[in-house]
N, C-alpha and C. Protein backbone atom coordinates (compact mmCIF):
# COMPACT_ATOMS: atom_id res chain seq x y z
N MET A 1 71.66 -40.89 -29.76
CA MET A 1 72.42 -39.78 -29.23
C MET A 1 72.42 -38.61 -30.22
N TYR A 2 72.47 -38.92 -31.52
CA TYR A 2 72.47 -37.88 -32.54
C TYR A 2 71.18 -37.06 -32.45
N ARG A 3 70.03 -37.74 -32.30
CA ARG A 3 68.76 -37.02 -32.20
C ARG A 3 68.75 -36.10 -30.99
N THR A 4 69.30 -36.56 -29.88
CA THR A 4 69.35 -35.74 -28.67
C THR A 4 70.22 -34.51 -28.89
N TRP A 5 71.39 -34.70 -29.47
CA TRP A 5 72.31 -33.59 -29.71
C TRP A 5 71.68 -32.55 -30.64
N ILE A 6 71.05 -33.01 -31.71
CA ILE A 6 70.42 -32.09 -32.65
C ILE A 6 69.29 -31.32 -31.97
N SER A 7 68.51 -32.00 -31.14
CA SER A 7 67.41 -31.28 -30.47
C SER A 7 67.95 -30.24 -29.48
N ILE A 8 69.04 -30.54 -28.83
CA ILE A 8 69.66 -29.55 -27.92
C ILE A 8 70.14 -28.33 -28.71
N LEU A 9 70.79 -28.58 -29.83
CA LEU A 9 71.25 -27.46 -30.67
C LEU A 9 70.07 -26.63 -31.18
N THR A 10 68.98 -27.30 -31.53
CA THR A 10 67.79 -26.60 -32.01
C THR A 10 67.19 -25.75 -30.90
N GLN A 11 67.16 -26.27 -29.66
CA GLN A 11 66.68 -25.49 -28.52
C GLN A 11 67.55 -24.24 -28.33
N LEU A 12 68.85 -24.42 -28.39
CA LEU A 12 69.75 -23.28 -28.23
C LEU A 12 69.54 -22.26 -29.33
N ASP A 13 69.37 -22.74 -30.56
CA ASP A 13 69.11 -21.84 -31.68
C ASP A 13 67.86 -21.02 -31.41
N PHE A 14 66.78 -21.68 -30.96
CA PHE A 14 65.54 -20.97 -30.65
C PHE A 14 65.77 -19.91 -29.58
N CYS A 15 66.45 -20.28 -28.50
CA CYS A 15 66.69 -19.34 -27.40
C CYS A 15 67.52 -18.15 -27.84
N TYR A 16 68.57 -18.39 -28.61
CA TYR A 16 69.42 -17.29 -29.07
C TYR A 16 68.67 -16.37 -30.03
N ILE A 17 67.92 -16.94 -30.96
CA ILE A 17 67.19 -16.09 -31.90
C ILE A 17 66.06 -15.36 -31.17
N PHE A 18 65.47 -15.98 -30.13
CA PHE A 18 64.46 -15.32 -29.32
C PHE A 18 65.06 -14.07 -28.66
N GLU A 19 66.21 -14.23 -28.03
CA GLU A 19 66.86 -13.09 -27.38
C GLU A 19 67.23 -12.01 -28.40
N TYR A 20 67.70 -12.42 -29.57
CA TYR A 20 68.07 -11.48 -30.62
C TYR A 20 66.86 -10.67 -31.07
N VAL A 21 65.74 -11.35 -31.33
CA VAL A 21 64.52 -10.68 -31.78
C VAL A 21 64.00 -9.74 -30.70
N CYS A 22 64.03 -10.17 -29.43
CA CYS A 22 63.58 -9.32 -28.33
C CYS A 22 64.41 -8.03 -28.28
N GLU A 23 65.71 -8.18 -28.37
CA GLU A 23 66.58 -7.00 -28.33
C GLU A 23 66.30 -6.09 -29.52
N LYS A 24 66.17 -6.67 -30.69
CA LYS A 24 65.92 -5.89 -31.91
C LYS A 24 64.57 -5.17 -31.85
N GLU A 25 63.56 -5.81 -31.25
CA GLU A 25 62.22 -5.24 -31.16
C GLU A 25 62.03 -4.38 -29.91
N GLY A 26 63.05 -4.28 -29.07
CA GLY A 26 62.95 -3.49 -27.86
C GLY A 26 62.06 -4.12 -26.80
N LYS A 27 61.95 -5.44 -26.82
CA LYS A 27 61.13 -6.16 -25.84
C LYS A 27 62.04 -6.66 -24.73
N ASN A 28 61.53 -6.62 -23.51
CA ASN A 28 62.34 -7.00 -22.36
C ASN A 28 61.87 -8.34 -21.77
N PHE A 29 61.82 -9.38 -22.61
CA PHE A 29 61.43 -10.70 -22.14
C PHE A 29 62.68 -11.50 -21.84
N LYS A 30 62.65 -12.21 -20.72
CA LYS A 30 63.79 -13.04 -20.34
C LYS A 30 63.44 -14.50 -20.59
N ILE A 31 64.26 -15.17 -21.37
CA ILE A 31 64.03 -16.58 -21.66
C ILE A 31 64.92 -17.41 -20.74
N GLU A 32 64.34 -18.45 -20.17
CA GLU A 32 65.09 -19.35 -19.29
C GLU A 32 65.12 -20.73 -19.90
N CYS A 33 66.26 -21.36 -19.80
CA CYS A 33 66.36 -22.79 -20.12
C CYS A 33 67.48 -23.35 -19.24
N ASN A 34 67.15 -24.44 -18.54
CA ASN A 34 68.12 -25.02 -17.63
C ASN A 34 67.76 -26.48 -17.36
N ALA A 35 68.61 -27.15 -16.62
CA ALA A 35 68.43 -28.58 -16.35
C ALA A 35 67.16 -28.85 -15.56
N GLU A 36 66.82 -27.97 -14.63
CA GLU A 36 65.61 -28.17 -13.83
C GLU A 36 64.36 -28.17 -14.72
N LEU A 37 64.28 -27.21 -15.64
CA LEU A 37 63.15 -27.18 -16.57
C LEU A 37 63.18 -28.41 -17.48
N ASP A 38 64.36 -28.76 -17.94
CA ASP A 38 64.51 -29.90 -18.85
C ASP A 38 63.98 -31.19 -18.23
N MET A 39 64.22 -31.37 -16.94
CA MET A 39 63.73 -32.57 -16.26
C MET A 39 62.21 -32.62 -16.21
N LYS A 40 61.56 -31.47 -16.38
CA LYS A 40 60.10 -31.41 -16.41
C LYS A 40 59.57 -31.48 -17.85
N GLY A 41 60.47 -31.64 -18.82
CA GLY A 41 60.05 -31.71 -20.22
C GLY A 41 59.83 -30.35 -20.85
N ILE A 42 60.44 -29.33 -20.25
CA ILE A 42 60.30 -27.96 -20.74
C ILE A 42 61.63 -27.52 -21.33
N ASP A 43 61.59 -27.01 -22.56
CA ASP A 43 62.82 -26.58 -23.21
C ASP A 43 63.17 -25.13 -22.89
N ALA A 44 62.15 -24.30 -22.71
CA ALA A 44 62.38 -22.89 -22.42
C ALA A 44 61.15 -22.33 -21.71
N LYS A 45 61.37 -21.22 -21.01
CA LYS A 45 60.30 -20.58 -20.26
C LYS A 45 60.47 -19.07 -20.38
N VAL A 46 59.36 -18.38 -20.63
CA VAL A 46 59.33 -16.92 -20.64
C VAL A 46 58.17 -16.53 -19.73
N GLY A 47 58.49 -15.96 -18.58
CA GLY A 47 57.44 -15.66 -17.61
C GLY A 47 56.77 -16.95 -17.19
N GLU A 48 55.46 -17.02 -17.38
CA GLU A 48 54.70 -18.23 -17.04
C GLU A 48 54.37 -19.07 -18.26
N ILE A 49 55.01 -18.77 -19.38
CA ILE A 49 54.77 -19.54 -20.61
C ILE A 49 55.91 -20.52 -20.79
N TYR A 50 55.54 -21.79 -20.95
CA TYR A 50 56.50 -22.86 -21.12
C TYR A 50 56.52 -23.28 -22.59
N PHE A 51 57.72 -23.56 -23.09
CA PHE A 51 57.87 -23.96 -24.49
C PHE A 51 58.54 -25.32 -24.59
N GLN A 52 58.12 -26.06 -25.58
CA GLN A 52 58.82 -27.27 -25.97
C GLN A 52 59.08 -27.14 -27.47
N ILE A 53 60.34 -27.22 -27.83
CA ILE A 53 60.74 -27.13 -29.23
C ILE A 53 60.63 -28.54 -29.79
N ALA A 54 59.68 -28.75 -30.70
CA ALA A 54 59.35 -30.11 -31.10
C ALA A 54 59.42 -30.30 -32.61
N LYS A 55 60.21 -31.26 -33.02
CA LYS A 55 60.29 -31.62 -34.44
C LYS A 55 58.94 -32.19 -34.86
N ILE A 56 58.48 -31.79 -36.02
CA ILE A 56 57.25 -32.35 -36.56
C ILE A 56 57.52 -33.80 -36.89
N THR A 57 56.74 -34.69 -36.28
CA THR A 57 56.96 -36.12 -36.47
C THR A 57 55.65 -36.86 -36.39
N HIS A 58 55.65 -38.05 -36.92
CA HIS A 58 54.47 -38.90 -36.85
C HIS A 58 54.75 -40.16 -36.04
N ARG A 59 55.94 -40.20 -35.39
CA ARG A 59 56.29 -41.34 -34.54
C ARG A 59 55.46 -41.27 -33.27
N LYS A 60 54.85 -42.39 -32.88
CA LYS A 60 54.01 -42.40 -31.67
C LYS A 60 54.78 -42.00 -30.43
N GLU A 61 56.01 -42.50 -30.27
CA GLU A 61 56.75 -42.21 -29.05
C GLU A 61 57.17 -40.75 -28.95
N ALA A 62 57.11 -40.01 -30.04
CA ALA A 62 57.51 -38.60 -30.02
C ALA A 62 56.32 -37.66 -29.85
N ARG A 63 55.12 -38.18 -29.89
CA ARG A 63 53.95 -37.33 -29.74
C ARG A 63 53.79 -36.90 -28.29
N PRO A 64 53.29 -35.68 -28.09
CA PRO A 64 53.14 -35.22 -26.70
C PRO A 64 52.04 -35.98 -25.98
N GLY A 65 52.29 -36.25 -24.71
CA GLY A 65 51.28 -36.92 -23.89
C GLY A 65 50.48 -35.88 -23.13
N LYS A 66 49.68 -36.34 -22.20
CA LYS A 66 48.90 -35.41 -21.38
C LYS A 66 49.79 -34.85 -20.29
N ARG A 67 49.67 -33.55 -20.06
CA ARG A 67 50.48 -32.87 -19.04
C ARG A 67 49.58 -32.00 -18.19
N LYS A 68 50.03 -31.73 -16.98
CA LYS A 68 49.27 -30.86 -16.09
C LYS A 68 49.45 -29.39 -16.47
N MET A 69 50.66 -29.02 -16.86
CA MET A 69 50.90 -27.62 -17.20
C MET A 69 50.74 -27.40 -18.69
N LYS A 70 50.40 -26.18 -19.05
CA LYS A 70 50.22 -25.81 -20.46
C LYS A 70 51.59 -25.50 -21.07
N ILE A 71 51.94 -26.28 -22.05
CA ILE A 71 53.21 -26.07 -22.74
C ILE A 71 52.91 -25.76 -24.20
N ILE A 72 53.46 -24.69 -24.70
CA ILE A 72 53.30 -24.34 -26.10
C ILE A 72 54.40 -25.04 -26.88
N GLN A 73 53.99 -25.86 -27.82
CA GLN A 73 54.96 -26.57 -28.65
C GLN A 73 55.33 -25.71 -29.85
N VAL A 74 56.60 -25.45 -30.00
CA VAL A 74 57.10 -24.69 -31.14
C VAL A 74 57.59 -25.71 -32.16
N PRO A 75 56.83 -25.90 -33.24
CA PRO A 75 57.22 -26.93 -34.20
C PRO A 75 58.37 -26.48 -35.09
N TYR A 76 59.24 -27.43 -35.38
CA TYR A 76 60.25 -27.18 -36.41
C TYR A 76 60.28 -28.38 -37.34
N ALA A 77 60.62 -28.09 -38.57
CA ALA A 77 60.60 -29.13 -39.59
C ALA A 77 62.01 -29.38 -40.10
N VAL A 78 62.27 -30.61 -40.41
CA VAL A 78 63.52 -30.98 -41.05
C VAL A 78 63.13 -31.73 -42.32
N PHE A 79 62.99 -30.98 -43.40
CA PHE A 79 62.59 -31.55 -44.68
C PHE A 79 63.81 -31.73 -45.56
N ASN A 80 63.74 -32.72 -46.42
CA ASN A 80 64.77 -32.91 -47.43
C ASN A 80 64.36 -32.06 -48.63
N VAL A 81 64.92 -30.86 -48.70
CA VAL A 81 64.53 -29.88 -49.72
C VAL A 81 64.76 -30.43 -51.12
N GLU A 82 65.89 -31.08 -51.34
CA GLU A 82 66.18 -31.63 -52.67
C GLU A 82 65.15 -32.68 -53.07
N GLU A 83 64.76 -33.52 -52.13
CA GLU A 83 63.75 -34.55 -52.41
C GLU A 83 62.42 -33.91 -52.78
N PHE A 84 62.02 -32.88 -52.05
CA PHE A 84 60.77 -32.18 -52.35
C PHE A 84 60.83 -31.53 -53.73
N GLN A 85 61.96 -30.92 -54.06
CA GLN A 85 62.11 -30.29 -55.36
C GLN A 85 62.01 -31.33 -56.49
N LYS A 86 62.58 -32.50 -56.28
CA LYS A 86 62.48 -33.58 -57.27
C LYS A 86 61.03 -34.03 -57.42
N LYS A 87 60.31 -34.15 -56.32
CA LYS A 87 58.91 -34.58 -56.37
C LYS A 87 58.06 -33.55 -57.10
N ILE A 88 58.36 -32.28 -56.91
CA ILE A 88 57.62 -31.22 -57.59
C ILE A 88 57.84 -31.31 -59.09
N GLN A 89 59.04 -31.67 -59.52
CA GLN A 89 59.39 -31.75 -60.94
C GLN A 89 58.94 -33.07 -61.58
N SER A 90 58.73 -34.08 -60.79
CA SER A 90 58.42 -35.41 -61.31
C SER A 90 56.99 -35.50 -61.84
N SER A 91 56.85 -36.07 -63.01
CA SER A 91 55.52 -36.29 -63.58
C SER A 91 54.80 -37.43 -62.85
N ARG A 92 55.53 -38.23 -62.10
CA ARG A 92 54.95 -39.35 -61.36
C ARG A 92 54.31 -38.90 -60.04
N THR A 93 54.63 -37.70 -59.59
CA THR A 93 54.06 -37.19 -58.34
C THR A 93 52.64 -36.72 -58.58
N LYS A 94 51.71 -37.27 -57.81
CA LYS A 94 50.29 -36.95 -58.00
C LYS A 94 49.91 -35.60 -57.41
N ASN A 95 50.46 -35.27 -56.25
CA ASN A 95 50.07 -34.04 -55.58
C ASN A 95 51.26 -33.09 -55.46
N ARG A 96 51.67 -32.55 -56.57
CA ARG A 96 52.82 -31.63 -56.58
C ARG A 96 52.55 -30.37 -55.77
N GLU A 97 51.29 -29.92 -55.78
CA GLU A 97 50.93 -28.69 -55.07
C GLU A 97 51.20 -28.82 -53.57
N LYS A 98 50.95 -30.00 -53.01
CA LYS A 98 51.22 -30.21 -51.58
C LYS A 98 52.71 -30.03 -51.29
N TYR A 99 53.57 -30.60 -52.14
CA TYR A 99 55.01 -30.45 -51.94
C TYR A 99 55.44 -29.00 -52.12
N ARG A 100 54.81 -28.30 -53.05
CA ARG A 100 55.12 -26.86 -53.22
C ARG A 100 54.78 -26.09 -51.95
N LYS A 101 53.60 -26.39 -51.39
CA LYS A 101 53.16 -25.71 -50.16
C LYS A 101 54.10 -26.02 -49.00
N LEU A 102 54.47 -27.30 -48.86
CA LEU A 102 55.38 -27.69 -47.78
C LEU A 102 56.72 -26.99 -47.91
N LEU A 103 57.25 -26.98 -49.11
CA LEU A 103 58.55 -26.34 -49.36
C LEU A 103 58.46 -24.83 -49.13
N GLN A 104 57.37 -24.24 -49.55
CA GLN A 104 57.17 -22.80 -49.36
C GLN A 104 57.11 -22.46 -47.86
N ALA A 105 56.37 -23.25 -47.10
CA ALA A 105 56.27 -23.02 -45.65
C ALA A 105 57.63 -23.22 -44.98
N PHE A 106 58.33 -24.28 -45.37
CA PHE A 106 59.64 -24.55 -44.80
C PHE A 106 60.58 -23.37 -45.04
N GLU A 107 60.61 -22.87 -46.27
CA GLU A 107 61.51 -21.76 -46.62
C GLU A 107 61.08 -20.45 -45.96
N LYS A 108 59.81 -20.34 -45.61
CA LYS A 108 59.29 -19.15 -44.93
C LYS A 108 59.79 -19.07 -43.49
N TYR A 109 59.92 -20.23 -42.83
CA TYR A 109 60.21 -20.26 -41.40
C TYR A 109 61.61 -20.73 -41.02
N PHE A 110 62.33 -21.34 -41.95
CA PHE A 110 63.63 -21.93 -41.61
C PHE A 110 64.69 -21.63 -42.67
N ASP A 111 65.93 -21.68 -42.23
CA ASP A 111 67.08 -21.63 -43.12
C ASP A 111 67.84 -22.94 -42.96
N VAL A 112 68.48 -23.37 -44.02
CA VAL A 112 69.32 -24.55 -43.95
C VAL A 112 70.76 -24.09 -44.11
N LEU A 113 71.59 -24.38 -43.12
CA LEU A 113 72.99 -24.00 -43.17
C LEU A 113 73.74 -24.91 -44.15
N GLU A 114 74.95 -24.52 -44.51
CA GLU A 114 75.75 -25.31 -45.44
C GLU A 114 75.97 -26.74 -44.97
N ASN A 115 76.02 -26.94 -43.67
CA ASN A 115 76.23 -28.29 -43.13
C ASN A 115 74.94 -29.09 -43.04
N GLY A 116 73.81 -28.50 -43.48
CA GLY A 116 72.54 -29.20 -43.48
C GLY A 116 71.69 -28.95 -42.24
N PHE A 117 72.23 -28.25 -41.25
CA PHE A 117 71.48 -27.98 -40.02
C PHE A 117 70.38 -26.96 -40.28
N VAL A 118 69.20 -27.21 -39.76
CA VAL A 118 68.05 -26.33 -39.94
C VAL A 118 67.97 -25.38 -38.75
N VAL A 119 67.83 -24.07 -39.04
CA VAL A 119 67.73 -23.06 -37.99
C VAL A 119 66.47 -22.21 -38.20
N PHE A 120 65.97 -21.66 -37.11
CA PHE A 120 64.79 -20.80 -37.16
C PHE A 120 65.11 -19.49 -37.86
N LYS A 121 64.18 -19.03 -38.67
CA LYS A 121 64.30 -17.69 -39.24
C LYS A 121 63.81 -16.68 -38.22
N GLU A 122 64.35 -15.51 -38.30
CA GLU A 122 63.96 -14.43 -37.39
C GLU A 122 62.46 -14.17 -37.48
N SER A 123 61.89 -14.24 -38.68
CA SER A 123 60.46 -13.95 -38.87
C SER A 123 59.57 -14.92 -38.09
N TYR A 124 59.99 -16.17 -37.96
CA TYR A 124 59.22 -17.17 -37.21
C TYR A 124 59.20 -16.77 -35.73
N VAL A 125 60.35 -16.52 -35.18
CA VAL A 125 60.44 -16.20 -33.75
C VAL A 125 59.80 -14.84 -33.45
N LYS A 126 59.81 -13.96 -34.42
CA LYS A 126 59.18 -12.65 -34.24
C LYS A 126 57.68 -12.81 -33.98
N ILE A 127 57.05 -13.78 -34.63
CA ILE A 127 55.63 -14.06 -34.40
C ILE A 127 55.41 -14.43 -32.93
N ILE A 128 56.32 -15.21 -32.38
CA ILE A 128 56.22 -15.63 -30.98
C ILE A 128 56.42 -14.43 -30.05
N VAL A 129 57.45 -13.65 -30.30
CA VAL A 129 57.73 -12.48 -29.47
C VAL A 129 56.57 -11.49 -29.50
N GLU A 130 56.00 -11.26 -30.67
CA GLU A 130 54.90 -10.30 -30.80
C GLU A 130 53.64 -10.73 -30.06
N ASN A 131 53.47 -12.03 -29.86
CA ASN A 131 52.23 -12.54 -29.27
C ASN A 131 52.41 -13.16 -27.89
N ILE A 132 53.58 -13.04 -27.32
CA ILE A 132 53.88 -13.74 -26.08
C ILE A 132 53.07 -13.26 -24.89
N GLU A 133 52.58 -12.05 -24.95
CA GLU A 133 51.80 -11.53 -23.83
C GLU A 133 50.35 -12.02 -23.84
N ASN A 134 49.95 -12.70 -24.92
CA ASN A 134 48.62 -13.27 -25.00
C ASN A 134 48.74 -14.73 -25.43
N PRO A 135 48.85 -15.65 -24.46
CA PRO A 135 49.08 -17.06 -24.78
C PRO A 135 48.05 -17.70 -25.71
N GLU A 136 46.78 -17.26 -25.64
CA GLU A 136 45.76 -17.83 -26.52
C GLU A 136 46.03 -17.47 -27.98
N ILE A 137 46.34 -16.21 -28.23
CA ILE A 137 46.66 -15.77 -29.59
C ILE A 137 47.97 -16.43 -30.04
N LEU A 138 48.94 -16.50 -29.15
CA LEU A 138 50.21 -17.15 -29.47
C LEU A 138 49.97 -18.59 -29.91
N GLN A 139 49.14 -19.32 -29.18
CA GLN A 139 48.85 -20.71 -29.53
C GLN A 139 48.19 -20.79 -30.91
N LYS A 140 47.28 -19.87 -31.20
CA LYS A 140 46.62 -19.85 -32.52
C LYS A 140 47.63 -19.60 -33.64
N GLU A 141 48.57 -18.69 -33.40
CA GLU A 141 49.60 -18.40 -34.40
C GLU A 141 50.51 -19.61 -34.62
N ILE A 142 50.87 -20.27 -33.54
CA ILE A 142 51.70 -21.48 -33.63
C ILE A 142 50.94 -22.58 -34.38
N ASP A 143 49.64 -22.71 -34.09
CA ASP A 143 48.83 -23.71 -34.79
C ASP A 143 48.78 -23.43 -36.29
N LYS A 144 48.69 -22.15 -36.67
CA LYS A 144 48.71 -21.80 -38.11
C LYS A 144 50.03 -22.21 -38.75
N ILE A 145 51.12 -21.95 -38.05
CA ILE A 145 52.43 -22.32 -38.57
C ILE A 145 52.52 -23.84 -38.74
N LEU A 146 52.06 -24.58 -37.73
CA LEU A 146 52.08 -26.04 -37.80
C LEU A 146 51.29 -26.55 -38.99
N LYS A 147 50.11 -25.99 -39.21
CA LYS A 147 49.30 -26.41 -40.36
C LYS A 147 50.03 -26.16 -41.68
N GLU A 148 50.67 -25.02 -41.78
CA GLU A 148 51.44 -24.73 -42.99
C GLU A 148 52.55 -25.78 -43.18
N LEU A 149 53.24 -26.11 -42.09
CA LEU A 149 54.35 -27.06 -42.17
C LEU A 149 53.88 -28.50 -42.38
N GLU A 150 52.60 -28.75 -42.17
CA GLU A 150 52.03 -30.06 -42.45
C GLU A 150 51.37 -30.11 -43.82
N GLY A 151 51.36 -28.97 -44.51
CA GLY A 151 50.80 -28.93 -45.85
C GLY A 151 49.31 -28.69 -45.90
N SER A 152 48.74 -28.24 -44.78
CA SER A 152 47.29 -28.00 -44.74
C SER A 152 46.94 -26.64 -45.29
C-alpha cells in the first residue's frame, strides 16, 4: 500500500509541476489524469501523448510489458543520497565515478524534501513541456535522462 500511495503522490507532483511549467512558459497544454486513464495503465495524458510516471527499478514485475498504445515513461529515481555519498568517499568502492554520475544526475532532476519525499525539479519537466509537440524528440530526451539516472 505504501508503494501505491507514494506513486500516486509522485504522479500528482508531476502533474502539478507540469501545469506550473506550462503556465510559466506560456504554453497552453492541458494535462489529464483520472480513474478511467488509470485503469488503462496511464498516469497522465496531454493531447494524444500518454505518460506513465515510472520509478527506475530492476524488479521484473515492475518492468513495462507490451502495449498497443504508445506510452512515454517518465522515469523518476529514489536514491539514498547519503549512501551514495558514503560510497563516493569510501576507499573500498571500486567505481566511485559511477556513484558521482548517479548522484549528479539525481540532483539535476530531483529535489528531496525534508521528509525524504522525492519531487521533480522544474528543469526536468521543462524538457518535457518544450518537446511535447514532437513525441519522437520527447522520447529521445526522456531516454537521455533515463541513461543519466542509470549511470550510463
